[in-house]
């Protein structure tokens, strides 16, 4: 989902930035509030931000889509910190990657935040919450949430690219072509991300000093 500079029209870049800013603002507010009562919170965020950065920094090019394919990591951060803080962590990773690694672009940063940060986080978070609500095992819930966070990201990326590239009356056809272009790489990557998400969530759930601060309901260990 690292959409490069020059792919999206500038007016659409502005719109995606406008969509992303409120989520980032809420996330920053939550970080400030939680850090006041828990000195271990920021080190936890640093660890999670590193996970997102590493998972999403090795791209597999998808030439037909004008972007690349890779894990996202936002399923992990959304489950543990909530979707808004997860957006902040994804935004930091995407900004650093755009500046130092030429992965993605500066003008398209808002669109990349929307796809990976916002939709990836919301998809993973609510999938996990719903599954846990109906009694699904922690590891399985984490696995499915990781997959959905990944696939939500790439579905949104396909929408953004189709919205920018489709001719008049060709949006659905373009969207479907781009989405299908991601399937050969993202189907196995999404499943792999599910296993990674499950492993990290189960590992952190064993830490009694962290469990109270993450979005795992009491009794879910």
N, C-alpha and C. Protein backbone atom coordinates (compact mmCIF):
# COMPACT_ATOMS: atom_id res chain seq x y z
N UNK A 1 0.81 -1.20 0.00
CA UNK A 1 0.00 0.00 0.00
C UNK A 1 0.84 1.25 0.00
N UNK A 2 2.12 1.14 -0.32
CA UNK A 2 2.96 2.33 -0.42
C UNK A 2 2.72 3.00 -1.76
N UNK A 3 1.68 3.80 -1.86
CA UNK A 3 1.39 4.51 -3.11
C UNK A 3 2.44 5.61 -3.27
N UNK A 4 3.05 5.67 -4.42
CA UNK A 4 4.15 6.61 -4.65
C UNK A 4 3.63 7.98 -5.05
N UNK A 5 4.51 8.98 -4.93
CA UNK A 5 4.18 10.33 -5.41
C UNK A 5 3.89 10.27 -6.90
N UNK A 6 2.94 11.09 -7.33
CA UNK A 6 2.62 11.18 -8.75
C UNK A 6 1.52 10.26 -9.21
N UNK A 7 1.11 9.32 -8.36
CA UNK A 7 0.06 8.37 -8.74
C UNK A 7 -1.32 9.00 -8.55
N UNK A 8 -1.51 9.73 -7.45
CA UNK A 8 -2.81 10.32 -7.14
C UNK A 8 -2.84 11.80 -7.50
N UNK A 9 -3.95 12.31 -8.01
CA UNK A 9 -4.09 13.75 -8.24
C UNK A 9 -3.95 14.51 -6.92
N UNK A 10 -3.39 15.71 -6.99
CA UNK A 10 -3.11 16.46 -5.77
C UNK A 10 -4.36 16.74 -4.95
N UNK A 11 -5.50 16.98 -5.62
CA UNK A 11 -6.73 17.26 -4.87
C UNK A 11 -7.17 16.05 -4.07
N UNK A 12 -6.94 14.85 -4.60
CA UNK A 12 -7.28 13.64 -3.85
C UNK A 12 -6.31 13.42 -2.70
N UNK A 13 -5.04 13.79 -2.91
CA UNK A 13 -4.07 13.71 -1.82
C UNK A 13 -4.51 14.57 -0.65
N UNK A 14 -5.02 15.76 -0.94
CA UNK A 14 -5.48 16.67 0.10
C UNK A 14 -6.67 16.07 0.85
N UNK A 15 -7.58 15.46 0.11
CA UNK A 15 -8.75 14.83 0.74
C UNK A 15 -8.33 13.72 1.69
N UNK A 16 -7.39 12.87 1.26
CA UNK A 16 -6.96 11.76 2.11
C UNK A 16 -6.23 12.27 3.36
N UNK A 17 -5.46 13.35 3.22
CA UNK A 17 -4.84 13.97 4.40
C UNK A 17 -5.91 14.46 5.36
N UNK A 18 -6.95 15.08 4.82
CA UNK A 18 -8.02 15.61 5.66
C UNK A 18 -8.74 14.50 6.42
N UNK A 19 -8.89 13.35 5.78
CA UNK A 19 -9.52 12.21 6.45
C UNK A 19 -8.62 11.68 7.56
N UNK A 20 -7.31 11.67 7.33
CA UNK A 20 -6.37 11.07 8.29
C UNK A 20 -6.15 11.92 9.53
N UNK A 21 -6.16 13.24 9.38
CA UNK A 21 -5.78 14.14 10.48
C UNK A 21 -6.60 13.94 11.76
N UNK A 22 -7.94 13.85 11.70
CA UNK A 22 -8.69 13.66 12.96
C UNK A 22 -8.32 12.38 13.70
N UNK A 23 -8.07 11.31 12.98
CA UNK A 23 -7.68 10.04 13.61
C UNK A 23 -6.33 10.18 14.31
N UNK A 24 -5.40 10.87 13.65
CA UNK A 24 -4.09 11.09 14.25
C UNK A 24 -4.22 11.95 15.50
N UNK A 25 -5.05 12.97 15.42
CA UNK A 25 -5.26 13.86 16.58
C UNK A 25 -5.81 13.12 17.78
N UNK A 26 -6.81 12.29 17.57
CA UNK A 26 -7.38 11.51 18.68
C UNK A 26 -6.34 10.55 19.24
N UNK A 27 -5.58 9.93 18.35
CA UNK A 27 -4.55 9.00 18.79
C UNK A 27 -3.49 9.67 19.64
N UNK A 28 -3.05 10.85 19.24
CA UNK A 28 -2.05 11.60 20.02
C UNK A 28 -2.59 11.98 21.39
N UNK A 29 -3.85 12.35 21.44
CA UNK A 29 -4.47 12.70 22.71
C UNK A 29 -4.51 11.49 23.65
N UNK A 30 -4.86 10.33 23.11
CA UNK A 30 -4.90 9.12 23.92
C UNK A 30 -3.51 8.75 24.43
N UNK A 31 -2.49 8.93 23.60
CA UNK A 31 -1.12 8.63 24.02
C UNK A 31 -0.71 9.54 25.19
N UNK A 32 -1.01 10.82 25.09
CA UNK A 32 -0.67 11.75 26.18
C UNK A 32 -1.36 11.36 27.48
N UNK A 33 -2.63 11.03 27.39
CA UNK A 33 -3.40 10.70 28.60
C UNK A 33 -2.91 9.40 29.24
N UNK A 34 -2.67 8.39 28.44
CA UNK A 34 -2.25 7.10 28.98
C UNK A 34 -0.83 7.14 29.52
N UNK A 35 0.01 7.96 28.90
CA UNK A 35 1.41 8.05 29.34
C UNK A 35 1.53 8.67 30.73
N UNK A 36 0.55 9.47 31.11
CA UNK A 36 0.59 10.12 32.42
C UNK A 36 0.42 9.13 33.56
N UNK A 37 -0.30 8.05 33.32
CA UNK A 37 -0.60 7.09 34.38
C UNK A 37 0.18 5.78 34.25
N UNK A 38 0.93 5.63 33.17
CA UNK A 38 1.66 4.38 32.96
C UNK A 38 3.01 4.68 32.30
N UNK A 39 4.07 4.59 33.07
CA UNK A 39 5.40 4.91 32.56
C UNK A 39 5.90 3.90 31.53
N UNK A 40 5.28 2.73 31.50
CA UNK A 40 5.70 1.69 30.55
C UNK A 40 4.97 1.81 29.21
N UNK A 41 4.06 2.75 29.13
CA UNK A 41 3.23 2.84 27.92
C UNK A 41 4.04 3.27 26.70
N UNK A 42 4.87 4.29 26.83
CA UNK A 42 5.65 4.76 25.68
C UNK A 42 6.67 3.73 25.21
N UNK A 43 7.37 3.03 26.12
CA UNK A 43 8.25 1.95 25.64
C UNK A 43 7.49 0.87 24.89
N UNK A 44 6.26 0.57 25.34
CA UNK A 44 5.43 -0.40 24.63
C UNK A 44 5.12 0.10 23.23
N UNK A 45 4.80 1.39 23.11
CA UNK A 45 4.49 1.97 21.80
C UNK A 45 5.71 1.93 20.88
N UNK A 46 6.89 2.17 21.45
CA UNK A 46 8.11 2.13 20.65
C UNK A 46 8.32 0.72 20.09
N UNK A 47 8.07 -0.28 20.92
CA UNK A 47 8.19 -1.67 20.49
C UNK A 47 7.20 -1.98 19.36
N UNK A 48 5.97 -1.52 19.53
CA UNK A 48 4.94 -1.78 18.53
C UNK A 48 5.20 -1.02 17.23
N UNK A 49 5.68 0.22 17.35
CA UNK A 49 6.01 1.01 16.16
C UNK A 49 7.12 0.33 15.36
N UNK A 50 8.08 -0.26 16.07
CA UNK A 50 9.16 -0.97 15.40
C UNK A 50 8.62 -2.19 14.64
N UNK A 51 7.64 -2.86 15.21
CA UNK A 51 7.03 -4.01 14.54
C UNK A 51 6.39 -3.57 13.23
N UNK A 52 5.61 -2.48 13.29
CA UNK A 52 4.95 -1.97 12.08
C UNK A 52 5.98 -1.57 11.03
N UNK A 53 7.02 -0.86 11.47
CA UNK A 53 8.04 -0.38 10.55
C UNK A 53 8.74 -1.55 9.84
N UNK A 54 9.13 -2.55 10.62
CA UNK A 54 9.86 -3.68 10.04
C UNK A 54 8.96 -4.51 9.13
N UNK A 55 7.75 -4.80 9.57
CA UNK A 55 6.85 -5.64 8.77
C UNK A 55 6.51 -4.98 7.43
N UNK A 56 6.40 -3.67 7.43
CA UNK A 56 5.94 -2.98 6.22
C UNK A 56 7.05 -2.36 5.38
N UNK A 57 8.31 -2.65 5.71
CA UNK A 57 9.41 -1.99 5.00
C UNK A 57 10.02 -2.84 3.88
N UNK A 58 9.55 -4.07 3.71
CA UNK A 58 10.09 -4.93 2.65
C UNK A 58 8.99 -5.13 1.61
N UNK A 59 8.93 -4.25 0.62
CA UNK A 59 7.83 -4.30 -0.35
C UNK A 59 8.06 -5.30 -1.47
N UNK A 60 6.96 -5.88 -1.94
CA UNK A 60 6.96 -6.73 -3.13
C UNK A 60 6.23 -5.94 -4.22
N UNK A 61 6.92 -5.48 -5.26
CA UNK A 61 6.27 -4.63 -6.27
C UNK A 61 5.09 -5.32 -6.95
N UNK A 62 4.03 -4.54 -7.19
CA UNK A 62 2.88 -4.99 -7.96
C UNK A 62 2.72 -3.98 -9.09
N UNK A 63 3.46 -4.17 -10.21
CA UNK A 63 3.54 -3.15 -11.26
C UNK A 63 2.19 -2.71 -11.81
N UNK A 64 1.28 -3.64 -12.00
CA UNK A 64 -0.01 -3.30 -12.60
C UNK A 64 -0.84 -2.39 -11.70
N UNK A 65 -0.53 -2.40 -10.40
CA UNK A 65 -1.28 -1.59 -9.45
C UNK A 65 -0.61 -0.26 -9.14
N UNK A 66 0.64 -0.09 -9.54
CA UNK A 66 1.33 1.15 -9.25
C UNK A 66 1.73 1.29 -7.80
N UNK A 67 1.84 0.19 -7.09
CA UNK A 67 2.19 0.22 -5.67
C UNK A 67 2.90 -1.09 -5.34
N UNK A 68 2.93 -1.46 -4.05
CA UNK A 68 3.62 -2.69 -3.67
C UNK A 68 2.81 -3.45 -2.63
N UNK A 69 3.25 -4.65 -2.36
CA UNK A 69 2.53 -5.55 -1.46
C UNK A 69 3.45 -5.97 -0.32
N UNK A 70 2.92 -6.04 0.88
CA UNK A 70 3.72 -6.43 2.05
C UNK A 70 2.83 -6.52 3.28
N UNK A 71 3.29 -7.09 4.37
CA UNK A 71 2.52 -7.07 5.61
C UNK A 71 2.33 -5.63 6.09
N UNK A 72 1.37 -5.43 6.98
CA UNK A 72 1.10 -4.09 7.49
C UNK A 72 1.45 -3.94 8.97
N UNK A 73 1.04 -4.91 9.79
CA UNK A 73 1.34 -4.85 11.22
C UNK A 73 0.32 -4.12 12.06
N UNK A 74 -0.64 -3.47 11.42
CA UNK A 74 -1.60 -2.66 12.18
C UNK A 74 -2.62 -3.50 12.92
N UNK A 75 -2.76 -4.77 12.55
CA UNK A 75 -3.65 -5.62 13.34
C UNK A 75 -3.11 -5.78 14.75
N UNK A 76 -1.81 -5.94 14.87
CA UNK A 76 -1.17 -6.08 16.18
C UNK A 76 -1.36 -4.82 17.01
N UNK A 77 -1.01 -3.67 16.43
CA UNK A 77 -1.07 -2.42 17.19
C UNK A 77 -2.50 -2.03 17.55
N UNK A 78 -3.44 -2.30 16.66
CA UNK A 78 -4.83 -1.94 16.94
C UNK A 78 -5.40 -2.77 18.09
N UNK A 79 -5.09 -4.06 18.10
CA UNK A 79 -5.57 -4.93 19.17
C UNK A 79 -5.02 -4.49 20.52
N UNK A 80 -3.76 -4.11 20.55
CA UNK A 80 -3.08 -3.81 21.81
C UNK A 80 -3.32 -2.39 22.29
N UNK A 81 -3.37 -1.43 21.38
CA UNK A 81 -3.47 -0.02 21.80
C UNK A 81 -4.80 0.62 21.46
N UNK A 82 -5.61 -0.03 20.63
CA UNK A 82 -6.81 0.60 20.11
C UNK A 82 -6.54 1.20 18.75
N UNK A 83 -7.58 1.44 17.94
CA UNK A 83 -7.38 1.85 16.55
C UNK A 83 -6.76 3.24 16.37
N UNK A 84 -7.05 4.19 17.28
CA UNK A 84 -6.55 5.55 17.08
C UNK A 84 -5.04 5.66 17.33
N UNK A 85 -4.56 5.05 18.40
CA UNK A 85 -3.12 5.04 18.66
C UNK A 85 -2.42 4.26 17.56
N UNK A 86 -3.04 3.20 17.09
CA UNK A 86 -2.48 2.42 16.00
C UNK A 86 -2.28 3.27 14.75
N UNK A 87 -3.19 4.19 14.50
CA UNK A 87 -3.06 5.10 13.35
C UNK A 87 -1.80 5.96 13.50
N UNK A 88 -1.54 6.44 14.71
CA UNK A 88 -0.35 7.25 14.95
C UNK A 88 0.92 6.45 14.68
N UNK A 89 0.96 5.22 15.18
CA UNK A 89 2.14 4.38 14.98
C UNK A 89 2.37 4.08 13.50
N UNK A 90 1.29 3.80 12.78
CA UNK A 90 1.41 3.55 11.35
C UNK A 90 1.87 4.80 10.61
N UNK A 91 1.37 5.96 11.04
CA UNK A 91 1.74 7.22 10.40
C UNK A 91 3.23 7.50 10.55
N UNK A 92 3.77 7.22 11.73
CA UNK A 92 5.20 7.41 11.97
C UNK A 92 6.02 6.49 11.06
N UNK A 93 5.61 5.23 11.00
CA UNK A 93 6.33 4.26 10.15
C UNK A 93 6.28 4.68 8.69
N UNK A 94 5.12 5.09 8.22
CA UNK A 94 4.96 5.47 6.82
C UNK A 94 5.75 6.73 6.49
N UNK A 95 5.78 7.69 7.41
CA UNK A 95 6.53 8.92 7.18
C UNK A 95 8.02 8.64 7.08
N UNK A 96 8.55 7.84 8.00
CA UNK A 96 9.97 7.50 7.97
C UNK A 96 10.33 6.72 6.70
N UNK A 97 9.45 5.81 6.31
CA UNK A 97 9.72 5.03 5.11
C UNK A 97 9.70 5.91 3.85
N UNK A 98 8.79 6.87 3.81
CA UNK A 98 8.71 7.77 2.66
C UNK A 98 9.94 8.66 2.56
N UNK A 99 10.42 9.14 3.71
CA UNK A 99 11.55 10.08 3.72
C UNK A 99 12.88 9.38 3.47
N UNK A 100 13.10 8.26 4.17
CA UNK A 100 14.43 7.64 4.16
C UNK A 100 14.57 6.44 3.24
N UNK A 101 13.45 5.79 2.90
CA UNK A 101 13.54 4.55 2.11
C UNK A 101 12.85 4.65 0.76
N UNK A 102 12.24 5.79 0.48
CA UNK A 102 11.50 5.98 -0.77
C UNK A 102 10.39 4.96 -0.95
N UNK A 103 9.84 4.48 0.16
CA UNK A 103 8.68 3.60 0.14
C UNK A 103 7.44 4.45 0.34
N UNK A 104 6.65 4.62 -0.70
CA UNK A 104 5.53 5.53 -0.63
C UNK A 104 5.99 6.93 -0.94
N UNK A 105 5.09 7.89 -0.77
CA UNK A 105 5.42 9.27 -1.09
C UNK A 105 4.97 10.23 0.00
N UNK A 106 5.43 11.47 -0.12
CA UNK A 106 5.02 12.50 0.84
C UNK A 106 3.63 13.00 0.48
N UNK A 107 3.37 13.27 -0.80
CA UNK A 107 2.04 13.76 -1.20
C UNK A 107 0.97 12.70 -0.98
N UNK A 108 1.36 11.43 -1.07
CA UNK A 108 0.39 10.34 -0.90
C UNK A 108 0.38 9.77 0.51
N UNK A 109 1.06 10.44 1.43
CA UNK A 109 1.14 9.94 2.80
C UNK A 109 -0.25 9.82 3.42
N UNK A 110 -1.11 10.80 3.18
CA UNK A 110 -2.46 10.75 3.73
C UNK A 110 -3.22 9.53 3.25
N UNK A 111 -3.11 9.22 1.95
CA UNK A 111 -3.80 8.05 1.40
C UNK A 111 -3.25 6.77 2.00
N UNK A 112 -1.93 6.70 2.17
CA UNK A 112 -1.33 5.50 2.76
C UNK A 112 -1.71 5.34 4.22
N UNK A 113 -1.84 6.46 4.94
CA UNK A 113 -2.30 6.40 6.33
C UNK A 113 -3.73 5.90 6.40
N UNK A 114 -4.58 6.38 5.49
CA UNK A 114 -5.97 5.94 5.47
C UNK A 114 -6.07 4.44 5.23
N UNK A 115 -5.31 3.93 4.27
CA UNK A 115 -5.42 2.51 3.93
C UNK A 115 -4.80 1.62 5.01
N UNK A 116 -3.54 1.87 5.36
CA UNK A 116 -2.88 1.00 6.34
C UNK A 116 -3.19 1.39 7.77
N UNK A 117 -3.11 2.68 8.06
CA UNK A 117 -3.30 3.13 9.44
C UNK A 117 -4.73 3.06 9.91
N UNK A 118 -5.63 3.66 9.15
CA UNK A 118 -7.03 3.75 9.60
C UNK A 118 -7.80 2.47 9.29
N UNK A 119 -7.89 2.10 8.02
CA UNK A 119 -8.71 0.94 7.67
C UNK A 119 -8.08 -0.37 8.16
N UNK A 120 -6.76 -0.47 8.10
CA UNK A 120 -6.12 -1.66 8.63
C UNK A 120 -6.36 -1.81 10.12
N UNK A 121 -6.24 -0.70 10.85
CA UNK A 121 -6.44 -0.73 12.30
C UNK A 121 -7.89 -1.03 12.65
N UNK A 122 -8.82 -0.35 11.99
CA UNK A 122 -10.24 -0.57 12.29
C UNK A 122 -10.66 -2.00 11.94
N UNK A 123 -10.18 -2.49 10.80
CA UNK A 123 -10.52 -3.86 10.40
C UNK A 123 -10.02 -4.88 11.40
N UNK A 124 -8.76 -4.75 11.80
CA UNK A 124 -8.20 -5.68 12.77
C UNK A 124 -8.84 -5.56 14.14
N UNK A 125 -9.04 -4.34 14.59
CA UNK A 125 -9.56 -4.09 15.94
C UNK A 125 -10.98 -4.66 16.10
N UNK A 126 -11.87 -4.32 15.18
CA UNK A 126 -13.26 -4.74 15.34
C UNK A 126 -13.44 -6.23 15.05
N UNK A 127 -12.63 -6.77 14.16
CA UNK A 127 -12.66 -8.22 13.95
C UNK A 127 -12.30 -8.94 15.25
N UNK A 128 -11.23 -8.48 15.89
CA UNK A 128 -10.78 -9.09 17.14
C UNK A 128 -11.85 -8.95 18.22
N UNK A 129 -12.40 -7.75 18.37
CA UNK A 129 -13.39 -7.52 19.41
C UNK A 129 -14.64 -8.38 19.22
N UNK A 130 -15.11 -8.47 17.99
CA UNK A 130 -16.31 -9.26 17.72
C UNK A 130 -16.05 -10.75 18.01
N UNK A 131 -14.91 -11.24 17.56
CA UNK A 131 -14.59 -12.65 17.78
C UNK A 131 -14.43 -12.97 19.26
N UNK A 132 -13.79 -12.09 20.01
CA UNK A 132 -13.64 -12.31 21.45
C UNK A 132 -14.98 -12.22 22.17
N UNK A 133 -15.86 -11.35 21.64
CA UNK A 133 -17.18 -11.18 22.24
C UNK A 133 -17.99 -12.46 22.15
N UNK A 134 -17.80 -13.20 21.07
CA UNK A 134 -18.56 -14.43 20.90
C UNK A 134 -17.79 -15.65 21.40
N UNK A 135 -16.68 -15.40 22.09
CA UNK A 135 -15.97 -16.48 22.77
C UNK A 135 -14.89 -17.20 21.98
N UNK A 136 -14.43 -16.61 20.89
CA UNK A 136 -13.37 -17.24 20.11
C UNK A 136 -12.05 -17.16 20.88
N UNK A 137 -11.27 -18.21 20.80
CA UNK A 137 -9.96 -18.30 21.45
C UNK A 137 -9.09 -17.10 21.10
N UNK A 138 -8.27 -16.64 22.07
CA UNK A 138 -7.43 -15.45 21.89
C UNK A 138 -6.51 -15.59 20.68
N UNK A 139 -5.84 -16.72 20.55
CA UNK A 139 -4.92 -16.91 19.44
C UNK A 139 -5.62 -16.92 18.10
N UNK A 140 -6.77 -17.58 18.01
CA UNK A 140 -7.52 -17.64 16.76
C UNK A 140 -8.07 -16.26 16.40
N UNK A 141 -8.57 -15.55 17.41
CA UNK A 141 -9.09 -14.20 17.17
C UNK A 141 -7.99 -13.28 16.66
N UNK A 142 -6.79 -13.42 17.25
CA UNK A 142 -5.66 -12.62 16.78
C UNK A 142 -5.27 -12.98 15.36
N UNK A 143 -5.31 -14.26 15.04
CA UNK A 143 -4.96 -14.73 13.70
C UNK A 143 -5.90 -14.14 12.64
N UNK A 144 -7.20 -14.24 12.88
CA UNK A 144 -8.18 -13.73 11.91
C UNK A 144 -8.12 -12.21 11.84
N UNK A 145 -7.92 -11.56 12.98
CA UNK A 145 -7.82 -10.10 12.99
C UNK A 145 -6.62 -9.62 12.20
N UNK A 146 -5.50 -10.34 12.30
CA UNK A 146 -4.31 -9.99 11.52
C UNK A 146 -4.56 -10.10 10.03
N UNK A 147 -5.25 -11.16 9.62
CA UNK A 147 -5.59 -11.32 8.21
C UNK A 147 -6.48 -10.18 7.74
N UNK A 148 -7.52 -9.86 8.53
CA UNK A 148 -8.47 -8.84 8.10
C UNK A 148 -7.84 -7.45 8.07
N UNK A 149 -6.93 -7.18 9.00
CA UNK A 149 -6.24 -5.89 8.98
C UNK A 149 -5.46 -5.75 7.68
N UNK A 150 -4.80 -6.80 7.27
CA UNK A 150 -4.03 -6.80 6.03
C UNK A 150 -4.94 -6.63 4.82
N UNK A 151 -6.00 -7.40 4.75
CA UNK A 151 -6.87 -7.36 3.58
C UNK A 151 -7.71 -6.09 3.53
N UNK A 152 -8.08 -5.53 4.67
CA UNK A 152 -8.76 -4.24 4.68
C UNK A 152 -7.85 -3.17 4.09
N UNK A 153 -6.56 -3.25 4.43
CA UNK A 153 -5.58 -2.29 3.93
C UNK A 153 -5.53 -2.31 2.41
N UNK A 154 -5.45 -3.49 1.84
CA UNK A 154 -5.27 -3.58 0.39
C UNK A 154 -6.55 -3.38 -0.38
N UNK A 155 -7.68 -3.65 0.24
CA UNK A 155 -8.95 -3.31 -0.39
C UNK A 155 -9.09 -1.80 -0.49
N UNK A 156 -8.72 -1.09 0.59
CA UNK A 156 -8.78 0.36 0.59
C UNK A 156 -7.79 0.96 -0.40
N UNK A 157 -6.58 0.40 -0.46
CA UNK A 157 -5.59 0.87 -1.43
C UNK A 157 -6.13 0.71 -2.85
N UNK A 158 -6.78 -0.40 -3.13
CA UNK A 158 -7.36 -0.62 -4.45
C UNK A 158 -8.42 0.42 -4.75
N UNK A 159 -9.21 0.76 -3.75
CA UNK A 159 -10.24 1.80 -3.92
C UNK A 159 -9.59 3.14 -4.23
N UNK A 160 -8.56 3.50 -3.47
CA UNK A 160 -7.89 4.79 -3.68
C UNK A 160 -7.29 4.88 -5.08
N UNK A 161 -6.64 3.81 -5.51
CA UNK A 161 -6.02 3.81 -6.84
C UNK A 161 -7.07 3.84 -7.94
N UNK A 162 -8.13 3.08 -7.78
CA UNK A 162 -9.19 3.07 -8.79
C UNK A 162 -9.87 4.42 -8.87
N UNK A 163 -10.07 5.05 -7.73
CA UNK A 163 -10.71 6.37 -7.68
C UNK A 163 -9.87 7.39 -8.45
N UNK A 164 -8.55 7.21 -8.40
CA UNK A 164 -7.65 8.14 -9.07
C UNK A 164 -7.44 7.82 -10.55
N UNK A 165 -7.44 6.52 -10.89
CA UNK A 165 -7.01 6.11 -12.22
C UNK A 165 -8.14 5.74 -13.16
N UNK A 166 -9.31 5.44 -12.63
CA UNK A 166 -10.41 4.97 -13.48
C UNK A 166 -10.94 6.09 -14.36
N UNK A 167 -11.28 5.71 -15.58
CA UNK A 167 -11.95 6.65 -16.47
C UNK A 167 -13.42 6.74 -16.11
N UNK A 168 -14.12 7.60 -16.79
CA UNK A 168 -15.53 7.81 -16.50
C UNK A 168 -16.31 6.51 -16.69
N UNK A 169 -17.03 6.11 -15.67
CA UNK A 169 -17.85 4.92 -15.74
C UNK A 169 -17.08 3.62 -15.64
N UNK A 170 -15.78 3.68 -15.31
CA UNK A 170 -14.97 2.47 -15.26
C UNK A 170 -14.43 2.17 -13.86
N UNK A 171 -15.01 2.79 -12.84
CA UNK A 171 -14.46 2.65 -11.49
C UNK A 171 -14.47 1.19 -11.03
N UNK A 172 -15.60 0.53 -11.08
CA UNK A 172 -15.69 -0.83 -10.54
C UNK A 172 -14.74 -1.77 -11.27
N UNK A 173 -14.67 -1.64 -12.60
CA UNK A 173 -13.79 -2.50 -13.39
C UNK A 173 -12.33 -2.28 -13.00
N UNK A 174 -11.94 -1.01 -12.83
CA UNK A 174 -10.56 -0.69 -12.45
C UNK A 174 -10.27 -1.17 -11.04
N UNK A 175 -11.21 -0.96 -10.13
CA UNK A 175 -11.06 -1.41 -8.75
C UNK A 175 -10.85 -2.92 -8.69
N UNK A 176 -11.65 -3.65 -9.45
CA UNK A 176 -11.55 -5.11 -9.44
C UNK A 176 -10.21 -5.57 -10.01
N UNK A 177 -9.74 -4.93 -11.07
CA UNK A 177 -8.45 -5.30 -11.67
C UNK A 177 -7.31 -5.09 -10.68
N UNK A 178 -7.33 -3.95 -10.00
CA UNK A 178 -6.26 -3.65 -9.04
C UNK A 178 -6.32 -4.61 -7.86
N UNK A 179 -7.52 -4.85 -7.36
CA UNK A 179 -7.69 -5.76 -6.23
C UNK A 179 -7.19 -7.16 -6.57
N UNK A 180 -7.54 -7.63 -7.75
CA UNK A 180 -7.11 -8.96 -8.19
C UNK A 180 -5.60 -9.02 -8.39
N UNK A 181 -4.99 -7.88 -8.75
CA UNK A 181 -3.54 -7.85 -8.93
C UNK A 181 -2.81 -8.09 -7.62
N UNK A 182 -3.45 -7.74 -6.50
CA UNK A 182 -2.84 -7.95 -5.19
C UNK A 182 -2.97 -9.40 -4.70
N UNK A 183 -3.93 -10.15 -5.25
CA UNK A 183 -4.24 -11.47 -4.70
C UNK A 183 -3.05 -12.42 -4.65
N UNK A 184 -2.27 -12.58 -5.73
CA UNK A 184 -1.17 -13.57 -5.69
C UNK A 184 -0.17 -13.35 -4.57
N UNK A 185 0.08 -12.08 -4.23
CA UNK A 185 1.03 -11.80 -3.16
C UNK A 185 0.34 -11.64 -1.81
N UNK A 186 -0.80 -10.95 -1.81
CA UNK A 186 -1.40 -10.60 -0.53
C UNK A 186 -2.18 -11.71 0.14
N UNK A 187 -2.62 -12.69 -0.63
CA UNK A 187 -3.32 -13.82 -0.01
C UNK A 187 -2.40 -14.56 0.94
N UNK A 188 -1.21 -14.99 0.51
CA UNK A 188 -0.31 -15.66 1.46
C UNK A 188 0.28 -14.72 2.50
N UNK A 189 0.57 -13.48 2.10
CA UNK A 189 1.12 -12.52 3.08
C UNK A 189 0.12 -12.24 4.18
N UNK A 190 -1.15 -12.11 3.83
CA UNK A 190 -2.19 -11.86 4.84
C UNK A 190 -2.29 -13.00 5.83
N UNK A 191 -2.19 -14.24 5.34
CA UNK A 191 -2.25 -15.40 6.23
C UNK A 191 -1.03 -15.42 7.14
N UNK A 192 0.14 -15.12 6.57
CA UNK A 192 1.35 -15.05 7.39
C UNK A 192 1.23 -13.98 8.45
N UNK A 193 0.64 -12.85 8.09
CA UNK A 193 0.46 -11.78 9.07
C UNK A 193 -0.50 -12.20 10.17
N UNK A 194 -1.46 -13.04 9.82
CA UNK A 194 -2.37 -13.56 10.84
C UNK A 194 -1.62 -14.35 11.90
N UNK A 195 -0.69 -15.20 11.46
CA UNK A 195 0.10 -15.98 12.42
C UNK A 195 0.97 -15.07 13.28
N UNK A 196 1.58 -14.05 12.67
CA UNK A 196 2.42 -13.12 13.43
C UNK A 196 1.60 -12.37 14.46
N UNK A 197 0.44 -11.89 14.06
CA UNK A 197 -0.44 -11.15 14.97
C UNK A 197 -0.86 -12.02 16.14
N UNK A 198 -1.25 -13.24 15.86
CA UNK A 198 -1.66 -14.17 16.90
C UNK A 198 -0.53 -14.40 17.90
N UNK A 199 0.67 -14.63 17.40
CA UNK A 199 1.81 -14.91 18.28
C UNK A 199 2.13 -13.73 19.19
N UNK A 200 2.13 -12.52 18.63
CA UNK A 200 2.47 -11.33 19.43
C UNK A 200 1.39 -11.07 20.48
N UNK A 201 0.12 -11.17 20.09
CA UNK A 201 -0.96 -10.90 21.04
C UNK A 201 -0.95 -11.90 22.19
N UNK A 202 -0.76 -13.18 21.87
CA UNK A 202 -0.71 -14.21 22.92
C UNK A 202 0.48 -13.98 23.84
N UNK A 203 1.62 -13.60 23.27
CA UNK A 203 2.82 -13.34 24.06
C UNK A 203 2.59 -12.18 25.03
N UNK A 204 2.04 -11.08 24.53
CA UNK A 204 1.83 -9.91 25.39
C UNK A 204 0.73 -10.14 26.40
N UNK A 205 -0.24 -11.00 26.08
CA UNK A 205 -1.32 -11.28 27.03
C UNK A 205 -0.82 -11.98 28.28
N UNK A 206 0.38 -12.56 28.22
CA UNK A 206 0.96 -13.23 29.38
C UNK A 206 1.65 -12.26 30.32
N UNK A 207 1.83 -11.01 29.87
CA UNK A 207 2.49 -10.01 30.69
C UNK A 207 1.44 -9.28 31.53
N UNK A 208 1.40 -9.56 32.82
CA UNK A 208 0.38 -8.97 33.68
C UNK A 208 0.54 -7.45 33.82
N UNK A 209 1.75 -6.93 33.59
CA UNK A 209 1.95 -5.49 33.70
C UNK A 209 1.50 -4.76 32.45
N UNK A 210 1.26 -5.50 31.36
CA UNK A 210 0.82 -4.89 30.12
C UNK A 210 -0.66 -5.15 29.87
N UNK A 211 -1.12 -6.32 30.30
CA UNK A 211 -2.48 -6.76 29.98
C UNK A 211 -3.54 -5.75 30.40
N UNK A 212 -3.32 -5.04 31.51
CA UNK A 212 -4.31 -4.08 31.98
C UNK A 212 -4.40 -2.85 31.09
N UNK A 213 -3.38 -2.60 30.29
CA UNK A 213 -3.35 -1.41 29.47
C UNK A 213 -3.65 -1.67 28.00
N UNK A 214 -3.86 -2.92 27.65
CA UNK A 214 -4.16 -3.20 26.26
C UNK A 214 -5.61 -3.62 26.11
N UNK A 215 -6.08 -3.62 24.88
CA UNK A 215 -7.49 -3.85 24.61
C UNK A 215 -7.84 -5.33 24.57
N UNK A 216 -7.48 -6.04 25.62
CA UNK A 216 -7.92 -7.41 25.82
C UNK A 216 -8.80 -7.40 27.05
N UNK A 217 -10.04 -7.78 26.92
CA UNK A 217 -10.96 -7.72 28.04
C UNK A 217 -10.49 -8.62 29.18
N UNK A 218 -10.81 -8.22 30.39
CA UNK A 218 -10.44 -9.02 31.57
C UNK A 218 -11.01 -10.42 31.43
N UNK A 219 -10.18 -11.41 31.70
CA UNK A 219 -10.62 -12.79 31.59
C UNK A 219 -10.33 -13.40 30.23
N UNK A 220 -9.69 -12.61 29.33
CA UNK A 220 -9.44 -13.12 27.99
C UNK A 220 -8.09 -13.82 27.87
N UNK A 221 -7.33 -13.83 28.92
CA UNK A 221 -6.00 -14.48 28.84
C UNK A 221 -6.17 -15.98 28.80
